[in-house]
Protein backbone atom coordinates (compact mmCIF):
# COMPACT_ATOMS: atom_id res chain seq x y z
CA UNK A 1 22.64 23.41 -9.89
CA UNK A 2 22.11 22.16 -6.31
CA UNK A 3 24.87 20.53 -4.11
CA UNK A 4 25.15 17.23 -2.69
CA UNK A 5 24.30 18.44 0.84
CA UNK A 6 23.47 15.47 3.28
CA UNK A 7 23.34 12.98 0.48
CA UNK A 8 22.67 9.40 1.90
CA UNK A 9 21.57 10.73 5.30
CA UNK A 10 18.37 9.49 6.52
CA UNK A 11 16.30 9.55 9.71
CA UNK A 12 13.23 7.37 8.69
CA UNK A 13 12.22 4.56 6.66
CA UNK A 14 8.82 3.82 5.18
CA UNK A 15 8.04 0.22 4.81
CA UNK A 16 5.05 -2.03 4.14
CA UNK A 17 4.77 -5.65 5.40
CA UNK A 18 4.56 -8.64 2.72
CA UNK A 19 0.90 -9.52 2.52
CA UNK A 20 -0.31 -13.07 2.54
CA UNK A 21 -1.43 -12.62 -0.99
CA UNK A 22 2.19 -11.66 -2.10
CA UNK A 23 2.40 -12.45 -5.90
CA UNK A 24 -1.21 -13.48 -6.33
CA UNK A 25 -1.74 -10.57 -8.86
CA UNK A 26 0.75 -12.08 -11.06
CA UNK A 27 0.09 -15.59 -10.22
CA UNK A 28 2.14 -17.72 -8.07
CA UNK A 29 5.04 -18.00 -10.55
CA UNK A 30 7.33 -15.32 -12.06
CA UNK A 31 8.01 -15.12 -15.89
CA UNK A 32 10.63 -17.92 -15.55
CA UNK A 33 8.31 -20.33 -13.72
CA UNK A 34 9.93 -20.22 -10.37
CA UNK A 35 7.56 -20.67 -7.43
CA UNK A 36 7.24 -17.79 -5.01
CA UNK A 37 7.98 -18.60 -1.40
CA UNK A 38 5.84 -16.40 0.92
CA UNK A 39 7.35 -17.40 4.15
CA UNK A 40 10.75 -16.76 2.68
CA UNK A 41 9.67 -13.47 1.52
CA UNK A 42 8.28 -12.41 4.88
CA UNK A 43 11.53 -13.53 6.49
CA UNK A 44 13.64 -11.57 4.25
CA UNK A 45 11.37 -8.60 4.90
CA UNK A 46 12.02 -9.08 8.55
CA UNK A 47 15.86 -9.11 8.06
CA UNK A 48 15.75 -6.09 5.80
CA UNK A 49 13.63 -4.00 8.13
CA UNK A 50 15.91 -5.23 11.17
CA UNK A 51 19.10 -3.89 9.05
CA UNK A 52 17.30 -0.48 8.68
CA UNK A 53 16.21 -0.07 12.16
CA UNK A 54 19.10 -1.65 14.22
CA UNK A 55 22.18 -1.38 11.91
CA UNK A 56 21.47 2.01 10.28
CA UNK A 57 19.56 3.40 13.15
CA UNK A 58 16.62 4.75 11.08
CA UNK A 59 13.20 5.14 12.63
CA UNK A 60 10.84 2.58 11.10
CA UNK A 61 7.37 3.50 10.04
CA UNK A 62 5.63 0.34 9.13
CA UNK A 63 2.41 0.28 7.24
CA UNK A 64 0.50 -2.92 8.02
CA UNK A 65 -0.08 -5.52 5.30
CA UNK A 66 -3.06 -5.64 3.36
CA UNK A 67 -4.14 -8.91 1.76
CA UNK A 68 -6.18 -6.89 -0.53
CA UNK A 69 -3.18 -5.12 -2.08
CA UNK A 70 -0.50 -7.74 -3.12
CA UNK A 71 1.85 -5.30 -4.58
CA UNK A 72 1.84 -2.99 -1.46
CA UNK A 73 5.31 -3.86 -0.52
CA UNK A 74 6.66 -1.69 -3.48
CA UNK A 75 6.73 1.59 -1.53
CA UNK A 76 9.38 3.14 -3.43
CA UNK A 77 7.20 3.39 -6.51
CA UNK A 78 4.76 5.47 -4.62
CA UNK A 79 6.71 8.83 -3.91
CA UNK A 80 9.95 10.68 -4.66
CA UNK A 81 11.32 12.34 -1.60
CA UNK A 82 13.96 15.02 -1.79
CA UNK A 83 14.53 17.45 1.28
CA UNK A 84 11.10 18.51 2.73
CA UNK A 85 9.36 17.59 -0.54
CA UNK A 86 7.41 14.51 -1.54
CA UNK A 87 6.19 14.07 -5.02
CA UNK A 88 3.36 11.57 -5.16
CA UNK A 89 3.73 9.59 -8.25
CA UNK A 90 0.86 8.80 -10.65
CA UNK A 91 0.47 4.93 -10.96
CA UNK A 92 0.01 3.16 -14.05
CA UNK A 93 -2.86 1.37 -12.64
CA UNK A 94 -6.02 2.89 -10.82
CA UNK A 95 -6.07 -0.19 -8.46
CA UNK A 96 -3.07 1.08 -6.71
CA UNK A 97 -4.67 4.06 -5.46
CA UNK A 98 -5.24 2.65 -2.02
CA UNK A 99 -1.60 2.03 -1.70
CA UNK A 100 -0.87 5.52 -2.58
CA UNK A 101 -3.24 6.81 -0.05
CA UNK A 102 -1.56 4.85 2.62
CA UNK A 103 1.94 6.11 2.00
CA UNK A 104 0.71 9.56 1.36
CA UNK A 105 -0.72 9.86 5.02
CA UNK A 106 2.50 8.71 6.44
CA UNK A 107 4.34 11.46 4.35
CA UNK A 108 1.72 14.05 5.58
CA UNK A 109 2.38 13.17 9.25
CA UNK A 110 6.03 13.70 8.71
CA UNK A 111 4.99 17.12 7.67
CA UNK A 112 6.57 17.01 4.27
CA UNK A 113 5.42 19.29 1.59
CA UNK A 114 3.17 17.09 -0.79
CA UNK A 115 3.02 17.56 -4.43
CA UNK A 116 0.90 15.22 -6.73
CA UNK A 117 1.07 14.76 -10.44
CA UNK A 118 -2.18 16.49 -11.95
CA UNK A 119 -1.59 15.72 -15.69
CA UNK A 120 -3.87 12.97 -16.54
CA UNK A 121 -1.72 11.71 -19.17
CA UNK A 122 1.49 11.37 -17.09
CA UNK A 123 2.65 8.25 -15.60
CA UNK A 124 5.47 8.08 -13.08
CA UNK A 125 6.88 5.29 -10.95
CA UNK A 126 9.52 5.95 -8.18
CA UNK A 127 11.68 3.00 -9.20
CA UNK A 128 12.32 4.83 -12.49
CA UNK A 129 13.97 8.01 -10.69
CA UNK A 130 17.51 7.99 -9.69
CA UNK A 131 18.76 10.81 -7.59
CA UNK A 132 22.55 11.20 -7.52
CA UNK A 133 22.84 14.06 -4.95
CA UNK A 134 23.40 16.52 -7.82
CA UNK A 135 20.59 15.61 -10.37
CA UNK A 136 17.81 13.38 -11.23
CA UNK A 137 17.72 10.86 -14.17
CA UNK A 138 14.34 9.70 -14.91
CA UNK A 139 13.93 6.41 -16.73
CA UNK A 140 11.30 6.43 -19.64
CA UNK A 141 9.96 2.80 -19.15
CA UNK A 142 6.58 1.01 -19.42
CA UNK A 143 5.70 2.71 -16.29
CA UNK A 144 7.06 6.30 -16.65
CA UNK A 145 6.57 8.71 -19.50
CA UNK A 146 7.88 12.05 -20.56
CA UNK A 147 4.99 13.78 -18.85
CA UNK A 148 5.76 11.93 -15.70
CA UNK A 149 9.38 13.13 -16.09
CA UNK A 150 8.26 16.76 -16.48
CA UNK A 151 6.28 16.55 -13.12
CA UNK A 152 9.72 15.79 -11.51
CA UNK A 153 11.43 18.67 -13.18
CA UNK A 154 8.52 20.83 -12.20
CA UNK A 155 8.76 19.81 -8.56
CA UNK A 156 12.36 19.79 -7.98
CA UNK A 157 13.41 22.91 -9.68
CA UNK A 158 16.89 23.32 -8.08
CA UNK A 159 17.99 20.05 -9.76
CA UNK A 160 18.72 19.25 -13.32
CA UNK A 161 16.34 16.50 -14.61
CA UNK A 162 17.36 14.26 -17.73
CA UNK A 163 15.52 11.35 -19.37
CA UNK A 164 17.00 7.96 -20.10
CA UNK A 165 15.27 5.22 -22.14
CA UNK A 166 14.72 1.92 -20.26
CA UNK A 167 14.15 -0.91 -22.77
CA UNK A 168 12.05 -3.96 -21.83
CA UNK A 169 9.64 -4.21 -18.63
CA UNK A 170 12.48 -3.08 -16.27
CA UNK A 171 12.62 0.05 -14.17
CA UNK A 172 15.81 2.30 -14.27
CA UNK A 173 16.77 1.17 -10.76
CA UNK A 174 16.56 -2.37 -11.72
CA UNK A 175 20.03 -1.95 -13.11
CA UNK A 176 21.64 1.00 -11.48
CA UNK A 177 21.64 3.01 -8.08
CA UNK A 178 24.05 5.12 -6.16
CA UNK A 179 26.91 3.99 -3.92
CA UNK A 180 27.60 7.52 -2.65
CA UNK A 181 27.27 11.01 -4.38
CA UNK A 182 29.84 10.46 -6.88
CA UNK A 183 29.57 6.59 -7.81
CA UNK A 184 27.01 5.00 -9.88
CA UNK A 185 26.58 1.18 -9.74
CA UNK A 186 25.68 -0.14 -13.10
CA UNK A 187 24.84 -3.66 -14.41
CA UNK A 188 26.34 -5.30 -17.49
CA UNK A 189 23.41 -5.99 -19.65
CA UNK A 190 23.40 -4.09 -23.16
CA UNK A 191 20.18 -2.03 -21.80
CA UNK A 192 22.34 -0.96 -18.77
CA UNK A 193 25.28 -0.12 -20.84
CA UNK A 194 23.00 2.00 -23.06
CA UNK A 195 21.55 3.82 -20.33
CA UNK A 196 24.91 4.49 -18.59
CA UNK A 197 26.18 5.94 -21.67
CA UNK A 198 23.23 8.18 -22.23
CA UNK A 199 23.58 9.38 -18.61
CA UNK A 200 27.10 10.30 -19.18
CA UNK A 201 26.35 12.34 -22.25
CA UNK A 202 23.64 14.15 -20.34
CA UNK A 203 25.61 15.12 -17.22
CA UNK A 204 28.03 17.80 -16.64
CA UNK A 205 29.64 15.87 -13.71
CA UNK A 206 32.07 13.05 -13.69
CA UNK A 207 30.82 9.94 -11.78
CA UNK A 208 32.81 7.09 -10.74
CA UNK A 209 31.46 3.95 -12.26
CA UNK A 210 31.33 0.47 -10.51
CA UNK A 211 30.21 -2.14 -12.95
CA UNK A 212 28.74 -5.39 -11.61
CA UNK A 213 28.08 -8.63 -13.90
CA UNK A 214 24.43 -8.91 -12.65
CA UNK A 215 21.91 -6.16 -13.27
CA UNK A 216 19.99 -7.25 -10.12
CA UNK A 217 23.05 -6.66 -8.01
CA UNK A 218 23.33 -3.01 -9.36
CA UNK A 219 20.35 -1.95 -7.32
CA UNK A 220 22.01 -0.99 -3.76
CA UNK A 221 21.03 1.13 -0.85
CA UNK A 222 23.77 3.68 0.24
CA UNK A 223 23.24 5.29 3.63
CA UNK A 224 25.58 7.54 5.64
CA UNK A 225 25.60 7.00 9.24
CA UNK A 226 27.12 9.60 11.48
CA UNK A 227 29.70 12.08 10.09
CA UNK A 228 31.83 9.51 8.17
CA UNK A 229 30.40 6.04 8.07
CA UNK A 230 29.35 4.77 4.81
CA UNK A 231 27.05 1.66 4.50
CA UNK A 232 26.02 0.02 1.34
CA UNK A 233 23.32 -2.80 1.30
CA UNK A 234 23.78 -4.87 -1.70
CA UNK A 235 22.50 -8.40 -2.84
CA UNK A 236 24.02 -11.41 -1.08
CA UNK A 237 26.74 -13.66 -2.65
CA UNK A 238 24.24 -16.50 -2.34
CA UNK A 239 21.89 -14.58 -4.76
CA UNK A 240 24.36 -12.79 -7.03
CA UNK A 241 27.67 -14.58 -6.50
CA UNK A 242 29.44 -13.20 -9.64
CA UNK A 243 28.91 -9.52 -8.52
CA UNK A 244 29.64 -9.86 -4.79
CA UNK A 245 33.42 -9.33 -5.24
CA UNK A 246 32.97 -6.27 -7.13
CA UNK A 247 31.65 -4.47 -4.08
CA UNK A 248 34.90 -4.99 -2.47
CA UNK A 249 36.46 -2.45 -4.71
CA UNK A 250 34.81 0.16 -2.64
CA UNK A 251 36.96 1.67 -0.10
CA UNK A 252 35.85 2.57 3.47
CA UNK A 253 32.36 1.05 3.22
CA UNK A 254 30.66 -1.13 5.42
CA UNK A 255 29.07 -3.69 3.06
CA UNK A 256 25.85 -5.30 4.21
CA UNK A 257 24.85 -8.28 2.05
CA UNK A 258 21.04 -8.25 2.08
CA UNK A 259 18.68 -11.01 0.35
CA UNK A 260 15.52 -10.19 -1.49
CA UNK A 261 15.21 -13.20 -3.94
CA UNK A 262 11.54 -13.42 -3.41
CA UNK A 263 10.51 -9.80 -4.37
CA UNK A 264 13.08 -9.93 -7.15
CA UNK A 265 11.04 -12.73 -8.92
CA UNK A 266 8.17 -10.07 -9.42
CA UNK A 267 10.61 -7.45 -10.58
CA UNK A 268 11.45 -5.98 -7.19
CA UNK A 269 14.60 -4.85 -5.84
CA UNK A 270 16.25 -3.79 -2.59
CA UNK A 271 15.44 -0.05 -2.88
CA UNK A 272 11.74 -0.77 -3.90
CA UNK A 273 10.82 -2.32 -0.41
CA UNK A 274 11.47 1.30 1.40
CA UNK A 275 11.18 4.73 0.96
CA UNK A 276 14.10 6.58 2.75
CA UNK A 277 13.44 10.08 4.16
CA UNK A 278 15.58 12.68 6.01
CA UNK A 279 13.20 14.54 8.25
CA UNK A 280 13.97 15.89 11.77
CA UNK A 281 10.81 16.84 13.39
CA UNK A 282 10.27 19.62 15.99
CA UNK A 283 8.78 18.40 19.36
């Protein structure tokens, strides 16, 4: 099995700006009827990209917004990147092909080895794929099936790949993420608990578990800066007040509260708004 070498180390972040048609595909309201605030979503995006660039020191690659692509801000869904390989996912919707092509072009410019899912029956979403630094867990959801998981296993042969059932309309990473190579952050819903139990049964490695009251708060972004600085972007206390205190249990971390209330109304998360890559290019 592969090692945890350079886990959390990144050089680039691929992002895509919030379009003026944000949320139009789903109507102007989420399932609970809460209205979307376009201006607020764009402000939150600006703060988020500022953190990636200024606080984490990542080189930002920003794909321009496209009013014809309301969901194009979900760049994490488009590809799974590990090492010098990018697996281009197979969208459940043919209308997302233009979004895929835009991200694929950026990955080609970064000189990554591009692999595409060729099985016509496969579906695969990047937000269903959790890489722990040691192995992959792939959530079987409404957006990802077994054949999609097989594509992950075929592409990243140095790592174990296990499948985890995801109930409802959520992605796997809607209720879990990594806070370092040995710590899984998990939500408290029944679905999250069942998924965690399955992951623990499937792995040979012992992970530390940080449980947070809100599923939404369990989606974090871990980035290692320099040789020994650990940063964790997590939902702010304003958005997930019951979970904010839980992150204080993590020693030696720089905690960065980050808002994403508007994209979360459409099922988005902090991690769904960027694609993080470790790529040093030769000049």
